[in-house]
Amino acid sequence: MNAFDFVITIALGSTFANLILNKSVSLADGAVAFFTLIFLQYAITWLSVRSKRIKHLITSEPVLILYKGELQHRVIKKERITIEEINLSIRKKGISSLEEVDAIILETTGDFTVVPSIKTENTGVLDDVNNFPPGKNKSDK
């Protein structure tokens, strides 16, 4: 779930609660608001699948926050991530040291992906990760 999905979910819940609890809101007004939010969610999702520009407005890119045991401090600061959050993601994988990890990626959902070992030069699933590997631009790939 990205941030836009979260906002729509909260708005739907708020609209539904307002419809149930507020006697001055008619069922028709609540239904229009409810279906407008659902249509907006569908339309934005449909557009984001078909347009890279819309997709970049709605969702973020996955970003590399650790590479070969070395933290990317500029990215960590920009993304407002704490070291405790990084350590938690590593501990969940049963790893006890940053040096044992080849990569940690902050995904578009806000989750961390821990890659203990990169064993090949063919890293196709990492091609869309911003700043992978560190120091290379996307145009270098």
N, C-alpha and C. Protein backbone atom coordinates (compact mmCIF):
# COMPACT_ATOMS: atom_id res chain seq x y z
N MET A 1 0.85 -1.18 0.00
CA MET A 1 0.00 0.00 0.00
C MET A 1 0.89 1.24 0.00
N ASN A 2 0.71 2.09 -0.98
CA ASN A 2 1.47 3.33 -1.00
C ASN A 2 0.71 4.42 -0.24
N ALA A 3 1.29 5.60 -0.18
CA ALA A 3 0.70 6.69 0.59
C ALA A 3 -0.67 7.08 0.06
N PHE A 4 -0.84 7.09 -1.26
CA PHE A 4 -2.14 7.46 -1.84
C PHE A 4 -3.21 6.44 -1.46
N ASP A 5 -2.88 5.15 -1.51
CA ASP A 5 -3.82 4.11 -1.10
C ASP A 5 -4.21 4.29 0.36
N PHE A 6 -3.24 4.63 1.20
CA PHE A 6 -3.51 4.84 2.61
C PHE A 6 -4.47 6.00 2.82
N VAL A 7 -4.25 7.10 2.12
CA VAL A 7 -5.11 8.28 2.25
C VAL A 7 -6.53 7.95 1.81
N ILE A 8 -6.68 7.24 0.70
CA ILE A 8 -8.01 6.87 0.21
C ILE A 8 -8.70 5.94 1.21
N THR A 9 -7.96 5.01 1.79
CA THR A 9 -8.54 4.09 2.78
C THR A 9 -9.05 4.86 3.99
N ILE A 10 -8.27 5.79 4.48
CA ILE A 10 -8.69 6.61 5.63
C ILE A 10 -9.90 7.45 5.25
N ALA A 11 -9.88 8.05 4.06
CA ALA A 11 -11.01 8.88 3.61
C ALA A 11 -12.28 8.05 3.49
N LEU A 12 -12.17 6.81 2.98
CA LEU A 12 -13.34 5.95 2.88
C LEU A 12 -13.90 5.63 4.27
N GLY A 13 -13.02 5.32 5.19
CA GLY A 13 -13.46 5.04 6.56
C GLY A 13 -14.13 6.24 7.20
N SER A 14 -13.56 7.41 6.99
CA SER A 14 -14.12 8.64 7.54
C SER A 14 -15.48 8.95 6.92
N THR A 15 -15.58 8.76 5.62
CA THR A 15 -16.85 8.99 4.93
C THR A 15 -17.92 8.04 5.43
N PHE A 16 -17.57 6.78 5.57
CA PHE A 16 -18.51 5.78 6.06
C PHE A 16 -18.95 6.09 7.49
N ALA A 17 -18.00 6.46 8.34
CA ALA A 17 -18.33 6.80 9.73
C ALA A 17 -19.23 8.03 9.78
N ASN A 18 -18.92 9.03 8.97
CA ASN A 18 -19.74 10.24 8.92
C ASN A 18 -21.16 9.92 8.46
N LEU A 19 -21.30 9.05 7.50
CA LEU A 19 -22.60 8.64 6.98
C LEU A 19 -23.42 7.94 8.07
N ILE A 20 -22.78 7.10 8.83
CA ILE A 20 -23.48 6.34 9.87
C ILE A 20 -23.83 7.21 11.07
N LEU A 21 -22.91 8.07 11.48
CA LEU A 21 -23.08 8.80 12.75
C LEU A 21 -23.74 10.16 12.61
N ASN A 22 -23.66 10.78 11.45
CA ASN A 22 -24.18 12.13 11.28
C ASN A 22 -25.56 12.07 10.61
N LYS A 23 -26.60 12.46 11.35
CA LYS A 23 -27.97 12.38 10.85
C LYS A 23 -28.25 13.41 9.76
N SER A 24 -27.43 14.46 9.67
CA SER A 24 -27.68 15.49 8.66
C SER A 24 -27.12 15.12 7.28
N VAL A 25 -26.38 14.03 7.18
CA VAL A 25 -25.85 13.57 5.89
C VAL A 25 -26.79 12.51 5.33
N SER A 26 -27.29 12.79 4.12
CA SER A 26 -28.21 11.82 3.52
C SER A 26 -27.45 10.61 2.98
N LEU A 27 -28.18 9.54 2.82
CA LEU A 27 -27.59 8.32 2.27
C LEU A 27 -27.06 8.58 0.85
N ALA A 28 -27.78 9.38 0.09
CA ALA A 28 -27.34 9.70 -1.28
C ALA A 28 -26.02 10.47 -1.27
N ASP A 29 -25.88 11.46 -0.38
CA ASP A 29 -24.63 12.23 -0.28
C ASP A 29 -23.47 11.32 0.10
N GLY A 30 -23.70 10.43 1.06
CA GLY A 30 -22.66 9.49 1.48
C GLY A 30 -22.27 8.54 0.37
N ALA A 31 -23.27 8.07 -0.37
CA ALA A 31 -22.99 7.14 -1.47
C ALA A 31 -22.19 7.84 -2.57
N VAL A 32 -22.56 9.09 -2.88
CA VAL A 32 -21.81 9.85 -3.90
C VAL A 32 -20.36 10.03 -3.46
N ALA A 33 -20.15 10.42 -2.21
CA ALA A 33 -18.78 10.60 -1.70
C ALA A 33 -18.01 9.29 -1.74
N PHE A 34 -18.66 8.22 -1.31
CA PHE A 34 -18.03 6.90 -1.26
C PHE A 34 -17.61 6.46 -2.67
N PHE A 35 -18.52 6.54 -3.62
CA PHE A 35 -18.22 6.10 -4.98
C PHE A 35 -17.25 7.05 -5.70
N THR A 36 -17.25 8.32 -5.32
CA THR A 36 -16.27 9.24 -5.88
C THR A 36 -14.86 8.85 -5.45
N LEU A 37 -14.70 8.51 -4.17
CA LEU A 37 -13.38 8.09 -3.68
C LEU A 37 -12.94 6.79 -4.34
N ILE A 38 -13.87 5.85 -4.50
CA ILE A 38 -13.53 4.58 -5.16
C ILE A 38 -13.13 4.83 -6.62
N PHE A 39 -13.90 5.69 -7.31
CA PHE A 39 -13.57 6.01 -8.70
C PHE A 39 -12.21 6.70 -8.78
N LEU A 40 -11.94 7.64 -7.88
CA LEU A 40 -10.66 8.34 -7.86
C LEU A 40 -9.51 7.36 -7.66
N GLN A 41 -9.68 6.42 -6.74
CA GLN A 41 -8.65 5.39 -6.51
C GLN A 41 -8.42 4.58 -7.77
N TYR A 42 -9.51 4.14 -8.41
CA TYR A 42 -9.40 3.35 -9.63
C TYR A 42 -8.73 4.15 -10.75
N ALA A 43 -9.14 5.39 -10.93
CA ALA A 43 -8.61 6.22 -12.01
C ALA A 43 -7.12 6.50 -11.82
N ILE A 44 -6.72 6.84 -10.61
CA ILE A 44 -5.31 7.12 -10.35
C ILE A 44 -4.46 5.86 -10.54
N THR A 45 -4.96 4.73 -10.07
CA THR A 45 -4.24 3.46 -10.25
C THR A 45 -4.13 3.13 -11.74
N TRP A 46 -5.21 3.29 -12.48
CA TRP A 46 -5.21 3.01 -13.91
C TRP A 46 -4.21 3.90 -14.63
N LEU A 47 -4.21 5.19 -14.28
CA LEU A 47 -3.27 6.13 -14.91
C LEU A 47 -1.82 5.83 -14.53
N SER A 48 -1.59 5.47 -13.28
CA SER A 48 -0.21 5.24 -12.84
C SER A 48 0.41 4.01 -13.48
N VAL A 49 -0.42 3.04 -13.85
CA VAL A 49 0.09 1.85 -14.54
C VAL A 49 0.47 2.20 -15.98
N ARG A 50 -0.19 3.18 -16.56
CA ARG A 50 0.02 3.53 -17.96
C ARG A 50 0.94 4.72 -18.19
N SER A 51 1.22 5.49 -17.15
CA SER A 51 2.04 6.69 -17.31
C SER A 51 3.12 6.74 -16.23
N LYS A 52 4.37 6.78 -16.67
CA LYS A 52 5.47 6.86 -15.70
C LYS A 52 5.42 8.17 -14.92
N ARG A 53 5.01 9.24 -15.55
CA ARG A 53 4.95 10.54 -14.88
C ARG A 53 3.93 10.50 -13.72
N ILE A 54 2.77 9.93 -13.97
CA ILE A 54 1.75 9.81 -12.92
C ILE A 54 2.24 8.86 -11.83
N LYS A 55 2.87 7.77 -12.24
CA LYS A 55 3.38 6.81 -11.26
C LYS A 55 4.38 7.47 -10.31
N HIS A 56 5.27 8.29 -10.85
CA HIS A 56 6.27 8.97 -10.01
C HIS A 56 5.64 10.02 -9.11
N LEU A 57 4.50 10.58 -9.51
CA LEU A 57 3.79 11.51 -8.63
C LEU A 57 3.13 10.79 -7.46
N ILE A 58 2.66 9.57 -7.70
CA ILE A 58 1.90 8.83 -6.70
C ILE A 58 2.79 7.97 -5.82
N THR A 59 3.76 7.30 -6.40
CA THR A 59 4.61 6.39 -5.63
C THR A 59 6.06 6.85 -5.67
N SER A 60 6.81 6.38 -4.71
CA SER A 60 8.24 6.67 -4.69
C SER A 60 8.98 5.52 -5.36
N GLU A 61 10.30 5.64 -5.43
CA GLU A 61 11.13 4.57 -5.97
C GLU A 61 11.77 3.82 -4.81
N PRO A 62 12.06 2.54 -5.01
CA PRO A 62 12.86 1.86 -3.99
C PRO A 62 14.25 2.50 -3.96
N VAL A 63 14.85 2.58 -2.78
CA VAL A 63 16.14 3.26 -2.64
C VAL A 63 17.09 2.42 -1.79
N LEU A 64 18.34 2.39 -2.21
CA LEU A 64 19.38 1.65 -1.52
C LEU A 64 19.83 2.42 -0.29
N ILE A 65 19.79 1.77 0.89
CA ILE A 65 20.23 2.46 2.10
C ILE A 65 21.49 1.84 2.71
N LEU A 66 21.85 0.64 2.27
CA LEU A 66 23.09 0.01 2.71
C LEU A 66 23.63 -0.80 1.55
N TYR A 67 24.94 -0.70 1.32
CA TYR A 67 25.57 -1.47 0.26
C TYR A 67 26.89 -2.00 0.75
N LYS A 68 27.05 -3.33 0.67
CA LYS A 68 28.28 -4.02 1.09
C LYS A 68 28.70 -3.60 2.50
N GLY A 69 27.73 -3.57 3.43
CA GLY A 69 28.02 -3.25 4.82
C GLY A 69 28.19 -1.78 5.13
N GLU A 70 28.07 -0.92 4.12
CA GLU A 70 28.29 0.52 4.31
C GLU A 70 26.97 1.28 4.16
N LEU A 71 26.59 1.99 5.22
CA LEU A 71 25.36 2.78 5.21
C LEU A 71 25.47 3.96 4.26
N GLN A 72 24.39 4.28 3.59
CA GLN A 72 24.32 5.44 2.70
C GLN A 72 23.70 6.58 3.51
N HIS A 73 24.52 7.29 4.26
CA HIS A 73 24.04 8.27 5.24
C HIS A 73 23.21 9.39 4.61
N ARG A 74 23.57 9.83 3.42
CA ARG A 74 22.80 10.88 2.75
C ARG A 74 21.37 10.41 2.48
N VAL A 75 21.22 9.17 2.03
CA VAL A 75 19.91 8.61 1.73
C VAL A 75 19.12 8.40 3.03
N ILE A 76 19.78 7.90 4.06
CA ILE A 76 19.13 7.66 5.34
C ILE A 76 18.56 8.97 5.90
N LYS A 77 19.34 10.02 5.79
CA LYS A 77 18.88 11.32 6.28
C LYS A 77 17.72 11.84 5.44
N LYS A 78 17.83 11.72 4.13
CA LYS A 78 16.78 12.20 3.22
C LYS A 78 15.47 11.45 3.44
N GLU A 79 15.55 10.14 3.65
CA GLU A 79 14.36 9.31 3.81
C GLU A 79 13.85 9.28 5.26
N ARG A 80 14.58 9.94 6.16
CA ARG A 80 14.22 10.02 7.58
C ARG A 80 14.10 8.63 8.22
N ILE A 81 15.15 7.86 8.06
CA ILE A 81 15.23 6.51 8.61
C ILE A 81 16.17 6.54 9.79
N THR A 82 15.84 5.81 10.85
CA THR A 82 16.74 5.72 11.99
C THR A 82 17.57 4.44 11.91
N ILE A 83 18.71 4.48 12.55
CA ILE A 83 19.58 3.29 12.61
C ILE A 83 18.84 2.15 13.31
N GLU A 84 18.00 2.47 14.28
CA GLU A 84 17.25 1.44 14.99
C GLU A 84 16.33 0.68 14.04
N GLU A 85 15.71 1.38 13.08
CA GLU A 85 14.85 0.72 12.10
C GLU A 85 15.66 -0.22 11.20
N ILE A 86 16.85 0.22 10.83
CA ILE A 86 17.72 -0.62 10.01
C ILE A 86 18.16 -1.85 10.79
N ASN A 87 18.58 -1.63 12.03
CA ASN A 87 18.99 -2.76 12.87
C ASN A 87 17.85 -3.75 13.07
N LEU A 88 16.64 -3.26 13.26
CA LEU A 88 15.48 -4.13 13.43
C LEU A 88 15.28 -5.00 12.20
N SER A 89 15.39 -4.41 11.01
CA SER A 89 15.19 -5.19 9.78
C SER A 89 16.26 -6.26 9.63
N ILE A 90 17.48 -5.97 10.07
CA ILE A 90 18.56 -6.96 9.99
C ILE A 90 18.33 -8.07 11.01
N ARG A 91 17.95 -7.70 12.23
CA ARG A 91 17.70 -8.71 13.26
C ARG A 91 16.56 -9.64 12.87
N LYS A 92 15.54 -9.12 12.21
CA LYS A 92 14.42 -9.97 11.77
C LYS A 92 14.88 -11.07 10.82
N LYS A 93 15.97 -10.83 10.12
CA LYS A 93 16.53 -11.84 9.21
C LYS A 93 17.54 -12.75 9.90
N GLY A 94 17.74 -12.54 11.21
CA GLY A 94 18.68 -13.37 11.95
C GLY A 94 20.13 -13.03 11.71
N ILE A 95 20.39 -11.81 11.30
CA ILE A 95 21.75 -11.37 11.01
C ILE A 95 22.19 -10.44 12.14
N SER A 96 23.45 -10.57 12.56
CA SER A 96 23.90 -9.83 13.74
C SER A 96 24.82 -8.65 13.43
N SER A 97 25.16 -8.43 12.17
CA SER A 97 26.11 -7.36 11.86
C SER A 97 25.82 -6.75 10.49
N LEU A 98 26.03 -5.45 10.38
CA LEU A 98 25.87 -4.77 9.09
C LEU A 98 26.82 -5.32 8.03
N GLU A 99 28.00 -5.73 8.46
CA GLU A 99 29.01 -6.22 7.53
C GLU A 99 28.60 -7.53 6.86
N GLU A 100 27.61 -8.22 7.43
CA GLU A 100 27.14 -9.49 6.85
C GLU A 100 26.09 -9.28 5.76
N VAL A 101 25.72 -8.03 5.50
CA VAL A 101 24.65 -7.72 4.56
C VAL A 101 25.23 -7.02 3.34
N ASP A 102 24.85 -7.47 2.15
CA ASP A 102 25.30 -6.82 0.92
C ASP A 102 24.43 -5.62 0.56
N ALA A 103 23.13 -5.69 0.86
CA ALA A 103 22.26 -4.56 0.50
C ALA A 103 21.02 -4.54 1.37
N ILE A 104 20.57 -3.33 1.67
CA ILE A 104 19.25 -3.11 2.27
C ILE A 104 18.56 -2.06 1.42
N ILE A 105 17.33 -2.36 1.05
CA ILE A 105 16.56 -1.48 0.18
C ILE A 105 15.30 -1.04 0.90
N LEU A 106 15.04 0.26 0.88
CA LEU A 106 13.77 0.80 1.37
C LEU A 106 12.80 0.73 0.20
N GLU A 107 11.77 -0.10 0.34
CA GLU A 107 10.82 -0.32 -0.75
C GLU A 107 9.77 0.80 -0.79
N THR A 108 9.01 0.83 -1.86
CA THR A 108 8.00 1.87 -2.03
C THR A 108 6.89 1.77 -0.99
N THR A 109 6.75 0.62 -0.37
CA THR A 109 5.72 0.41 0.66
C THR A 109 6.19 0.84 2.04
N GLY A 110 7.48 1.18 2.17
CA GLY A 110 8.04 1.54 3.46
C GLY A 110 8.72 0.37 4.15
N ASP A 111 8.66 -0.79 3.56
CA ASP A 111 9.31 -1.98 4.12
C ASP A 111 10.78 -2.00 3.72
N PHE A 112 11.58 -2.74 4.50
CA PHE A 112 12.99 -2.94 4.18
C PHE A 112 13.17 -4.33 3.57
N THR A 113 13.95 -4.41 2.51
CA THR A 113 14.36 -5.69 1.96
C THR A 113 15.84 -5.85 2.27
N VAL A 114 16.18 -6.94 2.97
CA VAL A 114 17.56 -7.23 3.32
C VAL A 114 18.07 -8.30 2.37
N VAL A 115 19.16 -7.98 1.65
CA VAL A 115 19.79 -8.92 0.72
C VAL A 115 21.12 -9.33 1.34
N PRO A 116 21.16 -10.52 1.96
CA PRO A 116 22.39 -10.93 2.65
C PRO A 116 23.59 -11.08 1.72
N SER A 117 23.34 -11.55 0.49
CA SER A 117 24.47 -11.80 -0.40
C SER A 117 24.06 -11.56 -1.85
N ILE A 118 24.88 -10.78 -2.56
CA ILE A 118 24.71 -10.60 -3.99
C ILE A 118 25.78 -11.44 -4.65
N LYS A 119 25.35 -12.55 -5.29
CA LYS A 119 26.30 -13.53 -5.78
C LYS A 119 26.60 -13.42 -7.27
N THR A 120 25.96 -12.51 -7.97
CA THR A 120 26.14 -12.42 -9.41
C THR A 120 26.18 -10.97 -9.86
N GLU A 121 26.74 -10.74 -11.00
CA GLU A 121 26.76 -9.39 -11.58
C GLU A 121 25.41 -9.07 -12.22
N ASN A 122 24.62 -10.11 -12.54
CA ASN A 122 23.31 -9.92 -13.14
C ASN A 122 22.29 -9.66 -12.03
N THR A 123 22.07 -8.40 -11.73
CA THR A 123 21.18 -8.02 -10.63
C THR A 123 19.91 -7.37 -11.18
N GLY A 124 19.22 -8.07 -12.07
CA GLY A 124 18.06 -7.52 -12.75
C GLY A 124 16.97 -7.00 -11.83
N VAL A 125 16.70 -7.69 -10.73
CA VAL A 125 15.63 -7.24 -9.83
C VAL A 125 16.02 -5.99 -9.07
N LEU A 126 17.29 -5.60 -9.12
CA LEU A 126 17.74 -4.40 -8.43
C LEU A 126 17.89 -3.20 -9.39
N ASP A 127 17.56 -3.39 -10.66
CA ASP A 127 17.74 -2.33 -11.65
C ASP A 127 16.90 -1.09 -11.36
N ASP A 128 15.73 -1.26 -10.76
CA ASP A 128 14.87 -0.11 -10.49
C ASP A 128 15.14 0.56 -9.15
N VAL A 129 16.14 0.06 -8.41
CA VAL A 129 16.48 0.62 -7.11
C VAL A 129 17.33 1.87 -7.31
N ASN A 130 16.87 2.97 -6.75
CA ASN A 130 17.58 4.24 -6.86
C ASN A 130 18.92 4.13 -6.14
N ASN A 131 20.00 4.57 -6.81
CA ASN A 131 21.35 4.60 -6.25
C ASN A 131 21.97 3.21 -6.10
N PHE A 132 21.59 2.26 -6.95
CA PHE A 132 22.22 0.94 -6.90
C PHE A 132 23.07 0.73 -8.12
N PRO A 133 24.33 0.35 -7.96
CA PRO A 133 25.14 0.50 -6.75
C PRO A 133 25.47 1.97 -6.51
N PRO A 134 25.90 2.29 -5.29
CA PRO A 134 26.17 3.69 -4.95
C PRO A 134 27.19 4.31 -5.91
N GLY A 135 26.95 5.57 -6.24
CA GLY A 135 27.88 6.29 -7.10
C GLY A 135 27.56 6.19 -8.58
N LYS A 136 26.63 5.33 -8.95
CA LYS A 136 26.24 5.21 -10.36
C LYS A 136 24.90 5.88 -10.57
N ASN A 137 24.76 6.56 -11.67
CA ASN A 137 23.48 7.16 -12.05
C ASN A 137 22.67 6.12 -12.80
N LYS A 138 21.37 6.32 -12.88
CA LYS A 138 20.52 5.42 -13.65
C LYS A 138 20.93 5.40 -15.11
N SER A 139 21.46 6.50 -15.61
CA SER A 139 21.87 6.55 -17.01
C SER A 139 23.11 5.70 -17.27
N ASP A 140 23.84 5.32 -16.21
CA ASP A 140 25.03 4.49 -16.36
C ASP A 140 24.67 3.03 -16.61
N LYS A 141 23.45 2.65 -16.32
CA LYS A 141 23.06 1.24 -16.42
C LYS A 141 22.67 0.87 -17.81
